[in-house]
C-alpha atoms as a PDB file:
ATOM      1  CA  MET A   1      -8.513  -8.407  10.849  1.00  0.00           C
ATOM      2  CA  ASN A   2      -9.092  -7.986   7.116  1.00  0.00           C
ATOM      3  CA  SER A   3      -6.533  -7.570   4.382  1.00  0.00           C
ATOM      4  CA  VAL A   4      -6.456  -5.714   1.078  1.00  0.00           C
ATOM      5  CA  VAL A   5      -4.000  -6.636  -1.661  1.00  0.00           C
ATOM      6  CA  LEU A   6      -2.774  -3.838  -3.922  1.00  0.00           C
ATOM      7  CA  GLN A   7      -0.682  -4.140  -7.070  1.00  0.00           C
ATOM      8  CA  VAL A   8       1.676  -1.156  -7.018  1.00  0.00           C
ATOM      9  CA  GLU A   9       3.526  -0.081 -10.150  1.00  0.00           C
ATOM     10  CA  GLY A  10       6.953   1.495 -10.192  1.00  0.00           C
ATOM     11  CA  MET A  11       8.549   0.119  -7.032  1.00  0.00           C
ATOM     12  CA  SER A  12      12.101  -0.763  -8.030  1.00  0.00           C
ATOM     13  CA  CYS A  13      14.130  -0.713  -4.810  1.00  0.00           C
ATOM     14  CA  GLY A  14      13.953  -1.088  -1.056  1.00  0.00           C
ATOM     15  CA  GLY A  15      13.554   2.674  -0.656  1.00  0.00           C
ATOM     16  CA  CYS A  16      10.488   2.608  -2.895  1.00  0.00           C
ATOM     17  CA  ALA A  17       8.979  -0.222  -0.889  1.00  0.00           C
ATOM     18  CA  ALA A  18       9.713   1.610   2.363  1.00  0.00           C
ATOM     19  CA  SER A  19       8.001   4.769   1.055  1.00  0.00           C
ATOM     20  CA  VAL A  20       4.848   2.853   0.188  1.00  0.00           C
ATOM     21  CA  GLU A  21       4.939   0.999   3.508  1.00  0.00           C
ATOM     22  CA  ARG A  22       5.272   4.259   5.469  1.00  0.00           C
ATOM     23  CA  ALA A  23       2.496   5.997   3.519  1.00  0.00           C
ATOM     24  CA  LEU A  24       0.038   3.159   4.042  1.00  0.00           C
ATOM     25  CA  GLY A  25       1.136   2.398   7.597  1.00  0.00           C
ATOM     26  CA  ALA A  26       0.377   5.976   8.660  1.00  0.00           C
ATOM     27  CA  LEU A  27      -3.333   5.533   7.917  1.00  0.00           C
ATOM     28  CA  GLU A  28      -5.661   5.035  10.887  1.00  0.00           C
ATOM     29  CA  PRO A  29      -7.321   1.739   9.871  1.00  0.00           C
ATOM     30  CA  VAL A  30      -4.012   0.088   8.911  1.00  0.00           C
ATOM     31  CA  SER A  31      -2.392  -2.228  11.420  1.00  0.00           C
ATOM     32  CA  ARG A  32       0.331  -3.766   9.245  1.00  0.00           C
ATOM     33  CA  VAL A  33       1.749  -3.537   5.706  1.00  0.00           C
ATOM     34  CA  GLU A  34       3.706  -6.253   3.884  1.00  0.00           C
ATOM     35  CA  VAL A  35       5.481  -5.349   0.635  1.00  0.00           C
ATOM     36  CA  ASP A  36       6.662  -7.949  -1.882  1.00  0.00           C
ATOM     37  CA  LEU A  37       9.041  -5.860  -3.977  1.00  0.00           C
ATOM     38  CA  ALA A  38       9.623  -8.568  -6.593  1.00  0.00           C
ATOM     39  CA  SER A  39       5.936  -8.866  -7.507  1.00  0.00           C
ATOM     40  CA  GLY A  40       4.859  -5.315  -6.662  1.00  0.00           C
ATOM     41  CA  ARG A  41       2.189  -6.767  -4.402  1.00  0.00           C
ATOM     42  CA  VAL A  42       1.386  -4.924  -1.180  1.00  0.00           C
ATOM     43  CA  THR A  43      -0.817  -6.541   1.448  1.00  0.00           C
ATOM     44  CA  VAL A  44      -2.461  -4.065   3.804  1.00  0.00           C
ATOM     45  CA  PHE A  45      -3.939  -5.427   7.025  1.00  0.00           C
ATOM     46  CA  VAL A  46      -6.732  -3.247   8.396  1.00  0.00           C
ATOM     47  CA  HIS A  47      -8.784  -3.376  11.567  1.00  0.00           C
ATOM     48  CA  ALA A  48     -11.618  -1.369   9.951  1.00  0.00           C
ATOM     49  CA  GLU A  49     -12.732  -0.854   6.370  1.00  0.00           C
ATOM     50  CA  PRO A  50     -10.902   2.190   4.965  1.00  0.00           C
ATOM     51  CA  ALA A  51     -12.868   4.903   3.178  1.00  0.00           C
ATOM     52  CA  PRO A  52     -12.992   4.407  -0.593  1.00  0.00           C
ATOM     53  CA  GLY A  53      -9.889   5.695  -2.319  1.00  0.00           C
ATOM     54  CA  VAL A  54      -7.851   6.272   0.857  1.00  0.00           C
ATOM     55  CA  LEU A  55      -5.336   3.507   0.166  1.00  0.00           C
ATOM     56  CA  GLU A  56      -4.915   4.588  -3.464  1.00  0.00           C
ATOM     57  CA  GLN A  57      -4.398   8.218  -2.398  1.00  0.00           C
ATOM     58  CA  ALA A  58      -1.670   7.154   0.040  1.00  0.00           C
ATOM     59  CA  VAL A  59       0.106   5.133  -2.675  1.00  0.00           C
ATOM     60  CA  ARG A  60      -0.109   8.074  -5.083  1.00  0.00           C
ATOM     61  CA  ALA A  61       1.159  10.479  -2.419  1.00  0.00           C
ATOM     62  CA  ALA A  62       4.214   8.227  -2.069  1.00  0.00           C
ATOM     63  CA  GLY A  63       4.811   8.668  -5.815  1.00  0.00           C
ATOM     64  CA  PHE A  64       3.453   5.410  -7.169  1.00  0.00           C
ATOM     65  CA  ASP A  65       0.367   4.139  -9.022  1.00  0.00           C
ATOM     66  CA  LEU A  66      -1.876   1.149  -8.624  1.00  0.00           C
ATOM     67  CA  ALA A  67      -2.104  -1.291 -11.513  1.00  0.00           C
ATOM     68  CA  ALA A  68      -5.443  -1.384 -13.291  1.00  0.00           C
ATOM     69  CA  PRO A  69      -7.596  -4.272 -12.035  1.00  0.00           C
END
């Protein structure tokens, strides 16, 4: 299993973290999502490489942005 670490901007509460977790967890290649609210870091565990941009689109659909690399 591989993991992808995302830096998500704008998460300020448990509800925010839950929204991001639900959005990413609903994707087919995702097996588990771990959110560290304090740092804004989200670790996404995948069983297959997601299509480019899919994770970012899910984060944006939940109302948040990814930090610039």
